[in-house]
Amino acid sequence: METLLVEKETIPSLPFNDKSRVKQHPNLRKQIDKATILGNMHRRKVSILFEDDNGIKRVDTTIWASGTKFVCLKGGVWIPINRLKEILV
């Protein structure tokens, strides 16, 4: 499966209209929590694999916050959690 590297600034223009969930890593919630700590305490970037309506993408950035439905990246960019596949730290 090929992933397309995107800049975080382009994410708001990506289509997330399809409400279906993607196949997620079984420990995704733990990955989100760890990445959020790394982003806030150490300003460390992670690689986020996610899927928009057109395919799988990757962004290398910092996660500032997470909720039940979205993660917030540096710069106020949001990605729906149900579209996240995996976070690589």
Protein backbone atom coordinates (compact mmCIF):
# COMPACT_ATOMS: atom_id res chain seq x y z
CA MET A 1 0.00 0.00 0.00
CA GLU A 2 1.50 3.28 -1.13
CA THR A 3 1.17 6.41 0.96
CA LEU A 4 1.34 9.97 -0.25
CA LEU A 5 3.30 12.42 1.93
CA VAL A 6 1.34 15.64 2.44
CA GLU A 7 2.04 18.89 4.25
CA LYS A 8 -0.21 19.55 7.25
CA GLU A 9 -1.36 22.83 5.69
CA THR A 10 -3.08 20.89 2.88
CA ILE A 11 -5.13 18.67 5.21
CA PRO A 12 -8.10 21.08 5.58
CA SER A 13 -8.64 20.85 1.81
CA LEU A 14 -8.65 17.03 1.75
CA PRO A 15 -12.02 15.26 1.42
CA PHE A 16 -13.30 13.48 4.54
CA ASN A 17 -16.93 13.18 3.41
CA ASP A 18 -17.14 9.38 3.54
CA LYS A 19 -18.10 8.59 7.13
CA SER A 20 -16.84 5.00 7.06
CA ARG A 21 -14.06 3.96 9.41
CA VAL A 22 -10.69 2.76 8.20
CA LYS A 23 -8.81 -0.27 9.49
CA GLN A 24 -6.92 1.06 12.49
CA HIS A 25 -3.93 -0.15 14.45
CA PRO A 26 -5.21 -2.03 17.55
CA ASN A 27 -3.30 0.32 19.89
CA LEU A 28 -4.20 3.54 18.09
CA ARG A 29 -5.57 5.26 21.21
CA LYS A 30 -2.29 4.58 23.05
CA GLN A 31 -0.37 5.86 20.03
CA ILE A 32 -2.43 9.07 20.04
CA ASP A 33 -1.85 9.60 23.76
CA LYS A 34 1.91 8.99 23.46
CA ALA A 35 2.19 11.27 20.41
CA THR A 36 0.29 14.03 22.23
CA ILE A 37 2.68 13.84 25.18
CA LEU A 38 5.69 13.89 22.83
CA GLY A 39 4.24 16.90 21.02
CA ASN A 40 3.48 18.93 24.12
CA MET A 41 6.46 18.08 26.32
CA HIS A 42 9.21 17.52 23.78
CA ARG A 43 7.91 19.27 20.61
CA ARG A 44 8.61 15.99 18.79
CA LYS A 45 7.11 15.18 15.40
CA VAL A 46 5.44 11.87 14.56
CA SER A 47 4.30 10.28 11.30
CA ILE A 48 0.53 9.99 11.04
CA LEU A 49 -0.96 7.56 8.55
CA PHE A 50 -4.53 8.45 7.67
CA GLU A 51 -7.02 7.90 4.88
CA ASP A 52 -9.07 10.57 3.17
CA ASP A 53 -11.73 9.81 0.55
CA ASN A 54 -9.01 9.44 -2.13
CA GLY A 55 -6.51 7.15 -0.40
CA ILE A 56 -3.84 6.78 2.24
CA LYS A 57 -1.75 9.79 3.22
CA ARG A 58 1.11 10.48 5.63
CA VAL A 59 1.94 13.68 7.44
CA ASP A 60 4.98 14.32 9.65
CA THR A 61 3.94 16.78 12.33
CA THR A 62 3.25 17.41 16.01
CA ILE A 63 0.00 16.44 17.74
CA TRP A 64 -1.04 19.16 20.19
CA ALA A 65 -4.33 17.74 21.48
CA SER A 66 -6.78 14.90 21.02
CA GLY A 67 -10.41 14.37 21.79
CA THR A 68 -12.89 11.61 21.14
CA LYS A 69 -13.44 12.46 17.46
CA PHE A 70 -10.43 14.51 16.27
CA VAL A 71 -6.71 15.09 16.79
CA CYS A 72 -5.40 18.63 16.60
CA LEU A 73 -2.07 19.15 14.89
CA LYS A 74 0.31 22.05 15.25
CA GLY A 75 -1.22 25.05 13.52
CA GLY A 76 -4.83 24.20 14.40
CA VAL A 77 -5.29 21.51 11.74
CA TRP A 78 -7.76 18.72 12.64
CA ILE A 79 -7.96 15.10 11.44
CA PRO A 80 -10.93 12.84 12.26
CA ILE A 81 -9.80 9.95 14.49
CA ASN A 82 -12.01 7.52 12.58
CA ARG A 83 -9.77 8.16 9.53
CA LEU A 84 -6.45 7.52 11.34
CA LYS A 85 -4.68 4.26 10.56
CA GLU A 86 -1.54 4.44 12.70
CA ILE A 87 0.86 6.84 14.37
CA LEU A 88 4.58 6.13 14.15
CA VAL A 89 6.79 7.69 16.81
